[in-house]
Amino acid sequence: MNHSKSPIPVLSEQVTHAAVGVIQHENGLVLLGERPVGKAWAGYWEFPGGKIEVDETAEQALKRELHEELGIKVKTLYPWLTRTYDYEAKYDANGKLESPAKTVKLHFYVVTEWQGEPFGMEKQTISWQNPEKLSVSPMLPANAPIMTGLSLPPMYAITNLSELGEEQFFECLKAALQNGLMMILVREKQLSPEELFSFAERVMEIAAPYEAKVFIHSDIELSQTLNAAGVHFSSLDLMGLQARPDGMLCGASCHNALELSHAASLALDYVLLSPVESTRSHVDATPLGWDGFASLIVDYPLPVYALGGMDAEKLAKARSYGAHGIAMQRASWKVNEV
């Protein structure tokens, strides 16, 4: 099941459905456009896209809109997030209504291949931007939270000290970072608090020159002490959480719809959903399968990493089923193997 192919239901007057394209270069830069004078929210920056017409799929609408707005032909795109946003009525300085209140449901896609060079066909200014270092503003309110998700790389590695041993693990870590690894979860339940502190500190020291993001598993205090990028909650800890901690990125492990819903209600930055395929770590768990994975994240608002039986070759497949990326434990550390 791939929800990118599903027709959009009959549109109601209360909700406007729109397809939105995150046009992304291999270097991570994304294309933004400034709404021109004469349009609602003129001067605000946004991702390109537009309203989905009746009987039109989100994918069809996006391809049409990007051709009309930018003159490009989409070749490869992946379903990503779906977010609902309530716009309040907007008035000008004289109290005249500029745009009425409305609710929009935004179907985001990541576009990785296209034909032609993007050009402002509607006389809008366009700009390639680093999601973590925007040089344009203000962002259209519905688009602003998307930047955090775009700052998360597609490959997420989980440490495996218990199987590799210290010397081999750190050799593999250095090689993986040199090969482009940018996101790491420190998860070593067998370590004492003192041992975990020492291990996590060393991981962060090695990762720092590469500006890789390091997350600590279910330990807010340790994450804060080490000034890690964030904390990752187990599914058990997630369900006991009433509010996300401030000042850091937050993710969580999920296995079902209830856990996914709670993570979304807390506005976490990402989730891991597992197991997609069978895995040695959880031999008794029933795999979701790709269709099961996709069905759980239809219309989901957070970036989702597929976990369980993953390797780098499955990234494109995972993205075609709506995943932001893939998370791996053993497969992340095979970089030194012949």
C-alpha atoms as a PDB file:
ATOM      1  CA  MET A   1       0.000   0.000   0.000  1.00  0.00           C
ATOM      2  CA  ASN A   2       1.329   3.402  -0.990  1.00  0.00           C
ATOM      3  CA  HIS A   3      -0.876   6.261   0.107  1.00  0.00           C
ATOM      4  CA  SER A   4       0.642   8.522  -2.571  1.00  0.00           C
ATOM      5  CA  LYS A   5      -1.574   6.693  -5.097  1.00  0.00           C
ATOM      6  CA  SER A   6      -4.799   7.036  -3.113  1.00  0.00           C
ATOM      7  CA  PRO A   7      -7.419   9.461  -4.431  1.00  0.00           C
ATOM      8  CA  ILE A   8      -8.207  12.381  -2.165  1.00  0.00           C
ATOM      9  CA  PRO A   9     -11.702  12.073  -0.642  1.00  0.00           C
ATOM     10  CA  VAL A  10     -14.414  14.500  -1.772  1.00  0.00           C
ATOM     11  CA  LEU A  11     -13.279  17.849  -0.519  1.00  0.00           C
ATOM     12  CA  SER A  12     -15.364  19.576   2.114  1.00  0.00           C
ATOM     13  CA  GLU A  13     -15.891  23.310   2.346  1.00  0.00           C
ATOM     14  CA  GLN A  14     -14.260  23.294   5.780  1.00  0.00           C
ATOM     15  CA  VAL A  15     -10.917  21.774   4.739  1.00  0.00           C
ATOM     16  CA  THR A  16      -8.706  22.696   1.796  1.00  0.00           C
ATOM     17  CA  HIS A  17      -6.428  19.863   0.650  1.00  0.00           C
ATOM     18  CA  ALA A  18      -3.121  20.907  -0.885  1.00  0.00           C
ATOM     19  CA  ALA A  19      -0.115  19.043  -2.287  1.00  0.00           C
ATOM     20  CA  VAL A  20       3.252  20.497  -1.263  1.00  0.00           C
ATOM     21  CA  GLY A  21       6.647  19.750  -2.770  1.00  0.00           C
ATOM     22  CA  VAL A  22       9.935  19.721  -0.884  1.00  0.00           C
ATOM     23  CA  ILE A  23      12.263  19.975  -3.860  1.00  0.00           C
ATOM     24  CA  GLN A  24      15.555  18.752  -2.447  1.00  0.00           C
ATOM     25  CA  HIS A  25      19.065  18.736  -3.891  1.00  0.00           C
ATOM     26  CA  GLU A  26      21.481  15.941  -2.987  1.00  0.00           C
ATOM     27  CA  ASN A  27      23.318  18.491  -0.812  1.00  0.00           C
ATOM     28  CA  GLY A  28      20.178  18.960   1.312  1.00  0.00           C
ATOM     29  CA  LEU A  29      19.186  22.413   0.050  1.00  0.00           C
ATOM     30  CA  VAL A  30      15.445  22.879  -0.513  1.00  0.00           C
ATOM     31  CA  LEU A  31      13.566  25.281  -2.775  1.00  0.00           C
ATOM     32  CA  LEU A  32      11.345  27.975  -1.276  1.00  0.00           C
ATOM     33  CA  GLY A  33       9.214  30.584  -2.997  1.00  0.00           C
ATOM     34  CA  GLU A  34       8.011  34.012  -1.864  1.00  0.00           C
ATOM     35  CA  ARG A  35       4.287  34.628  -2.270  1.00  0.00           C
ATOM     36  CA  PRO A  36       3.917  37.516  -4.746  1.00  0.00           C
ATOM     37  CA  VAL A  37       2.020  40.770  -4.268  1.00  0.00           C
ATOM     38  CA  GLY A  38      -1.675  40.290  -4.858  1.00  0.00           C
ATOM     39  CA  LYS A  39      -1.882  36.891  -3.198  1.00  0.00           C
ATOM     40  CA  ALA A  40      -2.920  36.199   0.389  1.00  0.00           C
ATOM     41  CA  TRP A  41       0.083  36.210   2.738  1.00  0.00           C
ATOM     42  CA  ALA A  42       2.165  38.133   0.171  1.00  0.00           C
ATOM     43  CA  GLY A  43       5.824  38.321   1.163  1.00  0.00           C
ATOM     44  CA  TYR A  44       5.741  35.063   3.117  1.00  0.00           C
ATOM     45  CA  TRP A  45       7.956  32.159   2.056  1.00  0.00           C
ATOM     46  CA  GLU A  46       6.626  28.660   1.416  1.00  0.00           C
ATOM     47  CA  PHE A  47       7.236  25.351  -0.288  1.00  0.00           C
ATOM     48  CA  PRO A  48       5.739  25.225  -3.790  1.00  0.00           C
ATOM     49  CA  GLY A  49       2.469  23.414  -4.431  1.00  0.00           C
ATOM     50  CA  GLY A  50      -1.233  24.070  -4.471  1.00  0.00           C
ATOM     51  CA  LYS A  51      -4.815  22.967  -4.076  1.00  0.00           C
ATOM     52  CA  ILE A  52      -5.798  19.412  -4.955  1.00  0.00           C
ATOM     53  CA  GLU A  53      -8.730  19.405  -7.331  1.00  0.00           C
ATOM     54  CA  VAL A  54     -11.699  17.047  -7.017  1.00  0.00           C
ATOM     55  CA  ASP A  55     -10.896  13.508  -8.298  1.00  0.00           C
ATOM     56  CA  GLU A  56      -7.190  14.381  -8.423  1.00  0.00           C
ATOM     57  CA  THR A  57      -4.596  12.483  -6.385  1.00  0.00           C
ATOM     58  CA  ALA A  58      -2.133  14.464  -4.296  1.00  0.00           C
ATOM     59  CA  GLU A  59       0.696  13.232  -6.510  1.00  0.00           C
ATOM     60  CA  GLN A  60      -1.073  14.309  -9.692  1.00  0.00           C
ATOM     61  CA  ALA A  61      -1.835  17.708  -8.192  1.00  0.00           C
ATOM     62  CA  LEU A  62       1.766  18.265  -7.140  1.00  0.00           C
ATOM     63  CA  LYS A  63       3.182  17.371 -10.539  1.00  0.00           C
ATOM     64  CA  ARG A  64       0.721  19.757 -12.175  1.00  0.00           C
ATOM     65  CA  GLU A  65       1.400  22.579  -9.707  1.00  0.00           C
ATOM     66  CA  LEU A  66       5.189  22.314  -9.941  1.00  0.00           C
ATOM     67  CA  HIS A  67       5.006  22.433 -13.720  1.00  0.00           C
ATOM     68  CA  GLU A  68       2.753  25.501 -13.579  1.00  0.00           C
ATOM     69  CA  GLU A  69       4.689  27.296 -10.823  1.00  0.00           C
ATOM     70  CA  LEU A  70       8.278  26.367 -11.649  1.00  0.00           C
ATOM     71  CA  GLY A  71       8.295  24.949 -15.163  1.00  0.00           C
ATOM     72  CA  ILE A  72       9.767  21.611 -14.062  1.00  0.00           C
ATOM     73  CA  LYS A  73       8.695  18.030 -14.734  1.00  0.00           C
ATOM     74  CA  VAL A  74       8.829  15.786 -11.655  1.00  0.00           C
ATOM     75  CA  LYS A  75      10.650  12.489 -12.203  1.00  0.00           C
ATOM     76  CA  THR A  76      10.990  11.031  -8.674  1.00  0.00           C
ATOM     77  CA  LEU A  77       9.034  11.919  -5.545  1.00  0.00           C
ATOM     78  CA  TYR A  78       8.244  10.260  -2.208  1.00  0.00           C
ATOM     79  CA  PRO A  79       5.246  10.697   0.118  1.00  0.00           C
ATOM     80  CA  TRP A  80       6.403  12.320   3.361  1.00  0.00           C
ATOM     81  CA  LEU A  81       4.196  14.042   5.966  1.00  0.00           C
ATOM     82  CA  THR A  82       0.593  15.159   6.213  1.00  0.00           C
ATOM     83  CA  ARG A  83      -0.130  18.154   8.430  1.00  0.00           C
ATOM     84  CA  THR A  84      -3.333  20.044   9.189  1.00  0.00           C
ATOM     85  CA  TYR A  85      -3.138  23.738   9.969  1.00  0.00           C
ATOM     86  CA  ASP A  86      -5.823  26.232  11.008  1.00  0.00           C
ATOM     87  CA  TYR A  87      -5.309  29.703   9.545  1.00  0.00           C
ATOM     88  CA  GLU A  88      -7.000  32.568  11.350  1.00  0.00           C
ATOM     89  CA  ALA A  89      -8.540  35.387   9.336  1.00  0.00           C
ATOM     90  CA  LYS A  90      -5.935  37.961   8.270  1.00  0.00           C
ATOM     91  CA  TYR A  91      -6.647  41.710   8.043  1.00  0.00           C
ATOM     92  CA  ASP A  92      -4.612  44.590   6.658  1.00  0.00           C
ATOM     93  CA  ALA A  93      -3.684  47.762   8.557  1.00  0.00           C
ATOM     94  CA  ASN A  94      -7.059  49.302   7.697  1.00  0.00           C
ATOM     95  CA  GLY A  95      -9.036  46.356   9.019  1.00  0.00           C
ATOM     96  CA  LYS A  96      -9.881  45.025   5.564  1.00  0.00           C
ATOM     97  CA  LEU A  97     -10.047  41.241   5.283  1.00  0.00           C
ATOM     98  CA  GLU A  98      -7.029  39.967   3.331  1.00  0.00           C
ATOM     99  CA  SER A  99      -7.695  36.237   3.710  1.00  0.00           C
ATOM    100  CA  PRO A 100     -10.504  34.381   5.497  1.00  0.00           C
ATOM    101  CA  ALA A 101     -10.029  31.785   8.214  1.00  0.00           C
ATOM    102  CA  LYS A 102      -9.575  28.298   6.826  1.00  0.00           C
ATOM    103  CA  THR A 103      -8.220  24.844   7.617  1.00  0.00           C
ATOM    104  CA  VAL A 104      -5.669  23.345   5.233  1.00  0.00           C
ATOM    105  CA  LYS A 105      -4.528  19.743   5.031  1.00  0.00           C
ATOM    106  CA  LEU A 106      -1.062  19.694   3.524  1.00  0.00           C
ATOM    107  CA  HIS A 107       0.181  16.530   1.810  1.00  0.00           C
ATOM    108  CA  PHE A 108       3.976  16.871   1.690  1.00  0.00           C
ATOM    109  CA  TYR A 109       6.181  15.070  -0.820  1.00  0.00           C
ATOM    110  CA  VAL A 110       9.958  15.085  -1.175  1.00  0.00           C
ATOM    111  CA  VAL A 111      10.995  15.587  -4.798  1.00  0.00           C
ATOM    112  CA  THR A 112      14.476  14.247  -5.515  1.00  0.00           C
ATOM    113  CA  GLU A 113      14.592  14.221  -9.326  1.00  0.00           C
ATOM    114  CA  TRP A 114      13.139  16.635 -11.845  1.00  0.00           C
ATOM    115  CA  GLN A 115      13.628  17.802 -15.408  1.00  0.00           C
ATOM    116  CA  GLY A 116      14.318  21.449 -16.127  1.00  0.00           C
ATOM    117  CA  GLU A 117      15.635  24.318 -14.019  1.00  0.00           C
ATOM    118  CA  PRO A 118      13.124  25.779 -11.528  1.00  0.00           C
ATOM    119  CA  PHE A 119      11.976  29.275 -12.516  1.00  0.00           C
ATOM    120  CA  GLY A 120       9.358  31.586 -10.992  1.00  0.00           C
ATOM    121  CA  MET A 121       6.675  31.177 -13.638  1.00  0.00           C
ATOM    122  CA  GLU A 122       4.232  33.315 -11.606  1.00  0.00           C
ATOM    123  CA  LYS A 123       6.849  36.058 -11.077  1.00  0.00           C
ATOM    124  CA  GLN A 124       7.530  34.772  -7.565  1.00  0.00           C
ATOM    125  CA  THR A 125      11.047  34.966  -6.125  1.00  0.00           C
ATOM    126  CA  ILE A 126      12.585  31.540  -5.443  1.00  0.00           C
ATOM    127  CA  SER A 127      15.603  30.599  -3.345  1.00  0.00           C
ATOM    128  CA  TRP A 128      17.560  27.439  -2.468  1.00  0.00           C
ATOM    129  CA  GLN A 129      17.833  27.242   1.321  1.00  0.00           C
ATOM    130  CA  ASN A 130      19.539  25.205   4.041  1.00  0.00           C
ATOM    131  CA  PRO A 131      16.676  23.983   6.303  1.00  0.00           C
ATOM    132  CA  GLU A 132      18.844  24.546   9.401  1.00  0.00           C
ATOM    133  CA  LYS A 133      20.068  28.017   8.383  1.00  0.00           C
ATOM    134  CA  LEU A 134      17.299  29.891   6.597  1.00  0.00           C
ATOM    135  CA  SER A 135      18.290  33.273   5.171  1.00  0.00           C
ATOM    136  CA  VAL A 136      14.730  34.213   4.129  1.00  0.00           C
ATOM    137  CA  SER A 137      11.726  35.110   6.265  1.00  0.00           C
ATOM    138  CA  PRO A 138       8.988  35.096   7.326  1.00  0.00           C
ATOM    139  CA  MET A 139       7.900  31.521   6.628  1.00  0.00           C
ATOM    140  CA  LEU A 140       4.240  30.776   6.005  1.00  0.00           C
ATOM    141  CA  PRO A 141       3.035  29.482   9.409  1.00  0.00           C
ATOM    142  CA  ALA A 142       1.990  26.047   8.139  1.00  0.00           C
ATOM    143  CA  ASN A 143       5.425  25.473   6.573  1.00  0.00           C
ATOM    144  CA  ALA A 144       7.714  26.611   9.394  1.00  0.00           C
ATOM    145  CA  PRO A 145       7.704  23.392  11.536  1.00  0.00           C
ATOM    146  CA  ILE A 146       8.681  21.335   8.493  1.00  0.00           C
ATOM    147  CA  MET A 147      12.263  22.603   8.632  1.00  0.00           C
ATOM    148  CA  THR A 148      13.117  20.560  11.734  1.00  0.00           C
ATOM    149  CA  GLY A 149      12.079  17.377   9.969  1.00  0.00           C
ATOM    150  CA  LEU A 150      14.168  18.261   6.939  1.00  0.00           C
ATOM    151  CA  SER A 151      17.232  18.679   9.160  1.00  0.00           C
ATOM    152  CA  LEU A 152      17.053  14.972  10.078  1.00  0.00           C
ATOM    153  CA  PRO A 153      19.155  12.797   7.743  1.00  0.00           C
ATOM    154  CA  PRO A 154      17.619   9.699   6.116  1.00  0.00           C
ATOM    155  CA  MET A 155      20.021   7.206   7.727  1.00  0.00           C
ATOM    156  CA  TYR A 156      19.873   6.683  11.509  1.00  0.00           C
ATOM    157  CA  ALA A 157      22.430   4.387  13.176  1.00  0.00           C
ATOM    158  CA  ILE A 158      21.890   2.649  16.538  1.00  0.00           C
ATOM    159  CA  THR A 159      25.021   1.771  18.494  1.00  0.00           C
ATOM    160  CA  ASN A 160      25.949  -1.911  18.861  1.00  0.00           C
ATOM    161  CA  LEU A 161      28.714  -1.985  21.441  1.00  0.00           C
ATOM    162  CA  SER A 162      27.425  -5.188  23.064  1.00  0.00           C
ATOM    163  CA  GLU A 163      28.097  -7.286  19.946  1.00  0.00           C
ATOM    164  CA  LEU A 164      31.113  -5.547  18.454  1.00  0.00           C
ATOM    165  CA  GLY A 165      33.162  -4.715  21.531  1.00  0.00           C
ATOM    166  CA  GLU A 166      34.689  -1.317  22.218  1.00  0.00           C
ATOM    167  CA  GLU A 167      37.668  -1.373  19.852  1.00  0.00           C
ATOM    168  CA  GLN A 168      35.762  -2.633  16.812  1.00  0.00           C
ATOM    169  CA  PHE A 169      32.743  -0.430  17.448  1.00  0.00           C
ATOM    170  CA  PHE A 170      34.737   2.793  17.534  1.00  0.00           C
ATOM    171  CA  GLU A 171      36.642   1.787  14.398  1.00  0.00           C
ATOM    172  CA  CYS A 172      33.302   1.229  12.666  1.00  0.00           C
ATOM    173  CA  LEU A 173      31.937   4.526  14.020  1.00  0.00           C
ATOM    174  CA  LYS A 174      34.857   6.496  12.603  1.00  0.00           C
ATOM    175  CA  ALA A 175      34.523   4.792   9.220  1.00  0.00           C
ATOM    176  CA  ALA A 176      30.753   5.355   9.109  1.00  0.00           C
ATOM    177  CA  LEU A 177      31.156   9.049   9.904  1.00  0.00           C
ATOM    178  CA  GLN A 178      33.755   9.366   7.158  1.00  0.00           C
ATOM    179  CA  ASN A 179      31.240   7.721   4.813  1.00  0.00           C
ATOM    180  CA  GLY A 180      28.580  10.317   5.629  1.00  0.00           C
ATOM    181  CA  LEU A 181      26.723   9.086   8.723  1.00  0.00           C
ATOM    182  CA  MET A 182      25.020  12.094  10.343  1.00  0.00           C
ATOM    183  CA  MET A 183      22.690  10.701  13.045  1.00  0.00           C
ATOM    184  CA  ILE A 184      23.392   8.245  15.876  1.00  0.00           C
ATOM    185  CA  LEU A 185      21.339   6.800  18.734  1.00  0.00           C
ATOM    186  CA  VAL A 186      23.328   5.749  21.807  1.00  0.00           C
ATOM    187  CA  ARG A 187      21.393   2.742  23.114  1.00  0.00           C
ATOM    188  CA  GLU A 188      23.344   0.351  25.339  1.00  0.00           C
ATOM    189  CA  LYS A 189      21.077  -1.003  28.075  1.00  0.00           C
ATOM    190  CA  GLN A 190      23.746  -3.320  29.476  1.00  0.00           C
ATOM    191  CA  LEU A 191      26.011  -0.453  30.606  1.00  0.00           C
ATOM    192  CA  SER A 192      26.058   1.014  34.103  1.00  0.00           C
ATOM    193  CA  PRO A 193      25.316   4.767  34.391  1.00  0.00           C
ATOM    194  CA  GLU A 194      29.036   5.489  34.692  1.00  0.00           C
ATOM    195  CA  GLU A 195      29.932   3.293  31.730  1.00  0.00           C
ATOM    196  CA  LEU A 196      27.129   4.798  29.634  1.00  0.00           C
ATOM    197  CA  PHE A 197      28.302   8.324  30.387  1.00  0.00           C
ATOM    198  CA  SER A 198      31.857   7.468  29.322  1.00  0.00           C
ATOM    199  CA  PHE A 199      30.705   5.662  26.181  1.00  0.00           C
ATOM    200  CA  ALA A 200      28.257   8.376  25.100  1.00  0.00           C
ATOM    201  CA  GLU A 201      30.814  11.096  25.753  1.00  0.00           C
ATOM    202  CA  ARG A 202      33.322   9.355  23.502  1.00  0.00           C
ATOM    203  CA  VAL A 203      30.729   8.861  20.747  1.00  0.00           C
ATOM    204  CA  MET A 204      29.978  12.568  20.863  1.00  0.00           C
ATOM    205  CA  GLU A 205      33.657  13.536  20.781  1.00  0.00           C
ATOM    206  CA  ILE A 206      34.237  11.416  17.680  1.00  0.00           C
ATOM    207  CA  ALA A 207      31.037  12.642  15.985  1.00  0.00           C
ATOM    208  CA  ALA A 208      31.579  16.340  16.743  1.00  0.00           C
ATOM    209  CA  PRO A 209      33.950  17.176  13.845  1.00  0.00           C
ATOM    210  CA  TYR A 210      31.373  15.770  11.419  1.00  0.00           C
ATOM    211  CA  GLU A 211      28.502  17.743  13.023  1.00  0.00           C
ATOM    212  CA  ALA A 212      26.571  14.483  13.325  1.00  0.00           C
ATOM    213  CA  LYS A 213      23.509  14.493  15.591  1.00  0.00           C
ATOM    214  CA  VAL A 214      23.797  12.213  18.647  1.00  0.00           C
ATOM    215  CA  PHE A 215      20.706  11.115  20.597  1.00  0.00           C
ATOM    216  CA  ILE A 216      20.675   9.462  24.023  1.00  0.00           C
ATOM    217  CA  HIS A 217      18.215   6.649  24.713  1.00  0.00           C
ATOM    218  CA  SER A 218      15.567   7.499  27.357  1.00  0.00           C
ATOM    219  CA  ASP A 219      17.873   9.606  29.563  1.00  0.00           C
ATOM    220  CA  ILE A 220      16.948  13.279  29.511  1.00  0.00           C
ATOM    221  CA  GLU A 221      19.473  14.223  32.191  1.00  0.00           C
ATOM    222  CA  LEU A 222      22.387  12.554  30.407  1.00  0.00           C
ATOM    223  CA  SER A 223      21.358  14.137  27.127  1.00  0.00           C
ATOM    224  CA  GLN A 224      21.321  17.569  28.766  1.00  0.00           C
ATOM    225  CA  THR A 225      24.612  16.999  30.591  1.00  0.00           C
ATOM    226  CA  LEU A 226      26.404  15.989  27.404  1.00  0.00           C
ATOM    227  CA  ASN A 227      24.614  18.639  25.333  1.00  0.00           C
ATOM    228  CA  ALA A 228      23.509  15.941  22.914  1.00  0.00           C
ATOM    229  CA  ALA A 229      21.251  16.771  19.979  1.00  0.00           C
ATOM    230  CA  GLY A 230      18.347  15.120  21.718  1.00  0.00           C
ATOM    231  CA  VAL A 231      16.740  12.245  23.550  1.00  0.00           C
ATOM    232  CA  HIS A 232      15.016   9.157  22.182  1.00  0.00           C
ATOM    233  CA  PHE A 233      12.269   7.542  24.261  1.00  0.00           C
ATOM    234  CA  SER A 234      11.415   3.853  24.409  1.00  0.00           C
ATOM    235  CA  SER A 235       7.771   3.058  23.661  1.00  0.00           C
ATOM    236  CA  LEU A 236       7.189   2.456  27.373  1.00  0.00           C
ATOM    237  CA  ASP A 237       8.694   5.806  28.358  1.00  0.00           C
ATOM    238  CA  LEU A 238       6.811   7.501  25.530  1.00  0.00           C
ATOM    239  CA  MET A 239       3.427   6.369  26.847  1.00  0.00           C
ATOM    240  CA  GLY A 240       4.258   7.749  30.296  1.00  0.00           C
ATOM    241  CA  LEU A 241       5.310  11.126  28.898  1.00  0.00           C
ATOM    242  CA  GLN A 242       2.928  14.063  29.403  1.00  0.00           C
ATOM    243  CA  ALA A 243       4.993  16.742  27.675  1.00  0.00           C
ATOM    244  CA  ARG A 244       8.186  16.784  25.649  1.00  0.00           C
ATOM    245  CA  PRO A 245      11.286  18.257  27.299  1.00  0.00           C
ATOM    246  CA  ASP A 246      12.351  21.696  26.131  1.00  0.00           C
ATOM    247  CA  GLY A 247      15.569  22.644  24.427  1.00  0.00           C
ATOM    248  CA  MET A 248      16.336  19.421  22.557  1.00  0.00           C
ATOM    249  CA  LEU A 249      15.161  17.253  19.707  1.00  0.00           C
ATOM    250  CA  CYS A 250      12.905  14.382  20.767  1.00  0.00           C
ATOM    251  CA  GLY A 251      12.092  11.049  19.146  1.00  0.00           C
ATOM    252  CA  ALA A 252      10.487   7.797  20.231  1.00  0.00           C
ATOM    253  CA  SER A 253      10.095   4.134  19.358  1.00  0.00           C
ATOM    254  CA  CYS A 254       6.600   3.088  18.239  1.00  0.00           C
ATOM    255  CA  HIS A 255       5.027  -0.236  17.326  1.00  0.00           C
ATOM    256  CA  ASN A 256       1.328   0.535  16.886  1.00  0.00           C
ATOM    257  CA  ALA A 257      -1.255   3.229  16.169  1.00  0.00           C
ATOM    258  CA  LEU A 258      -1.718   4.187  19.828  1.00  0.00           C
ATOM    259  CA  GLU A 259       1.975   4.922  20.333  1.00  0.00           C
ATOM    260  CA  LEU A 260       2.163   6.811  17.045  1.00  0.00           C
ATOM    261  CA  SER A 261      -0.818   8.930  18.074  1.00  0.00           C
ATOM    262  CA  HIS A 262       0.714   9.800  21.439  1.00  0.00           C
ATOM    263  CA  ALA A 263       4.024  10.782  19.842  1.00  0.00           C
ATOM    264  CA  ALA A 264       2.148  13.081  17.459  1.00  0.00           C
ATOM    265  CA  SER A 265       0.140  14.627  20.305  1.00  0.00           C
ATOM    266  CA  LEU A 266       3.419  15.523  22.035  1.00  0.00           C
ATOM    267  CA  ALA A 267       4.731  17.081  18.788  1.00  0.00           C
ATOM    268  CA  LEU A 268       7.910  14.986  18.840  1.00  0.00           C
ATOM    269  CA  ASP A 269      10.412  15.530  16.063  1.00  0.00           C
ATOM    270  CA  TYR A 270      10.425  11.973  14.669  1.00  0.00           C
ATOM    271  CA  VAL A 271       9.530   8.368  15.469  1.00  0.00           C
ATOM    272  CA  LEU A 272      10.934   4.913  14.743  1.00  0.00           C
ATOM    273  CA  LEU A 273       8.288   2.401  13.643  1.00  0.00           C
ATOM    274  CA  SER A 274       9.163  -1.285  13.983  1.00  0.00           C
ATOM    275  CA  PRO A 275       9.592  -4.064  13.212  1.00  0.00           C
ATOM    276  CA  VAL A 276       9.010  -3.677   9.486  1.00  0.00           C
ATOM    277  CA  GLU A 277      10.808  -6.907   8.656  1.00  0.00           C
ATOM    278  CA  SER A 278      12.055  -9.742  10.871  1.00  0.00           C
ATOM    279  CA  THR A 279      15.076  -8.905  13.002  1.00  0.00           C
ATOM    280  CA  ARG A 280      17.509 -10.782  15.219  1.00  0.00           C
ATOM    281  CA  SER A 281      16.919  -8.280  18.020  1.00  0.00           C
ATOM    282  CA  HIS A 282      13.222  -9.180  18.384  1.00  0.00           C
ATOM    283  CA  VAL A 283      12.738 -12.670  16.964  1.00  0.00           C
ATOM    284  CA  ASP A 284       9.318 -13.098  18.613  1.00  0.00           C
ATOM    285  CA  ALA A 285       7.828  -9.876  17.218  1.00  0.00           C
ATOM    286  CA  THR A 286       5.480 -10.139  14.234  1.00  0.00           C
ATOM    287  CA  PRO A 287       6.768  -7.925  11.405  1.00  0.00           C
ATOM    288  CA  LEU A 288       4.482  -5.167  10.161  1.00  0.00           C
ATOM    289  CA  GLY A 289       5.473  -5.702   6.551  1.00  0.00           C
ATOM    290  CA  TRP A 290       5.664  -2.761   4.171  1.00  0.00           C
ATOM    291  CA  ASP A 291       1.910  -2.550   3.645  1.00  0.00           C
ATOM    292  CA  GLY A 292       1.320  -2.614   7.403  1.00  0.00           C
ATOM    293  CA  PHE A 293       3.969   0.062   7.881  1.00  0.00           C
ATOM    294  CA  ALA A 294       2.397   2.299   5.231  1.00  0.00           C
ATOM    295  CA  SER A 295      -1.134   1.867   6.571  1.00  0.00           C
ATOM    296  CA  LEU A 296      -0.072   2.994  10.055  1.00  0.00           C
ATOM    297  CA  ILE A 297       1.443   6.260   8.806  1.00  0.00           C
ATOM    298  CA  VAL A 298      -1.224   7.420   6.357  1.00  0.00           C
ATOM    299  CA  ASP A 299      -1.792  11.128   7.076  1.00  0.00           C
ATOM    300  CA  TYR A 300       0.853  11.035   9.841  1.00  0.00           C
ATOM    301  CA  PRO A 301       2.419  14.422  10.760  1.00  0.00           C
ATOM    302  CA  LEU A 302       5.888  13.340  11.982  1.00  0.00           C
ATOM    303  CA  PRO A 303       8.942  11.992  10.112  1.00  0.00           C
ATOM    304  CA  VAL A 304       8.982   8.196  10.451  1.00  0.00           C
ATOM    305  CA  TYR A 305      12.058   5.972  10.299  1.00  0.00           C
ATOM    306  CA  ALA A 306      11.514   2.339   9.285  1.00  0.00           C
ATOM    307  CA  LEU A 307      13.290  -0.051  11.668  1.00  0.00           C
ATOM    308  CA  GLY A 308      13.717  -3.822  11.592  1.00  0.00           C
ATOM    309  CA  GLY A 309      15.664  -5.723   8.962  1.00  0.00           C
ATOM    310  CA  MET A 310      16.871  -2.541   7.270  1.00  0.00           C
ATOM    311  CA  ASP A 311      20.015  -1.921   5.252  1.00  0.00           C
ATOM    312  CA  ALA A 312      21.111   0.959   3.045  1.00  0.00           C
ATOM    313  CA  GLU A 313      19.738  -0.662  -0.102  1.00  0.00           C
ATOM    314  CA  LYS A 314      16.192  -0.499   1.317  1.00  0.00           C
ATOM    315  CA  LEU A 315      16.135   3.289   1.733  1.00  0.00           C
ATOM    316  CA  ALA A 316      14.403   4.010  -1.587  1.00  0.00           C
ATOM    317  CA  LYS A 317      11.792   1.332  -0.897  1.00  0.00           C
ATOM    318  CA  ALA A 318      11.164   2.709   2.596  1.00  0.00           C
ATOM    319  CA  ARG A 319      10.677   6.210   1.229  1.00  0.00           C
ATOM    320  CA  SER A 320       8.241   4.951  -1.402  1.00  0.00           C
ATOM    321  CA  TYR A 321       6.083   3.673   1.471  1.00  0.00           C
ATOM    322  CA  GLY A 322       6.115   7.041   3.243  1.00  0.00           C
ATOM    323  CA  ALA A 323       9.185   6.706   5.481  1.00  0.00           C
ATOM    324  CA  HIS A 324      11.453   9.665   6.142  1.00  0.00           C
ATOM    325  CA  GLY A 325      14.359   7.237   6.259  1.00  0.00           C
ATOM    326  CA  ILE A 326      15.631   4.016   7.797  1.00  0.00           C
ATOM    327  CA  ALA A 327      17.140   3.163  11.177  1.00  0.00           C
ATOM    328  CA  MET A 328      19.657   0.346  11.520  1.00  0.00           C
ATOM    329  CA  GLN A 329      21.725  -1.306  14.203  1.00  0.00           C
ATOM    330  CA  ARG A 330      23.902  -4.111  12.802  1.00  0.00           C
ATOM    331  CA  ALA A 331      23.825  -2.886   9.186  1.00  0.00           C
ATOM    332  CA  SER A 332      25.175   0.519  10.239  1.00  0.00           C
ATOM    333  CA  TRP A 333      28.474  -0.924  11.379  1.00  0.00           C
ATOM    334  CA  LYS A 334      29.450  -3.165   8.457  1.00  0.00           C
ATOM    335  CA  VAL A 335      31.526  -0.423   6.855  1.00  0.00           C
ATOM    336  CA  ASN A 336      34.836  -2.143   7.660  1.00  0.00           C
ATOM    337  CA  GLU A 337      33.773  -5.579   6.501  1.00  0.00           C
ATOM    338  CA  VAL A 338      35.160  -6.934   3.243  1.00  0.00           C
END
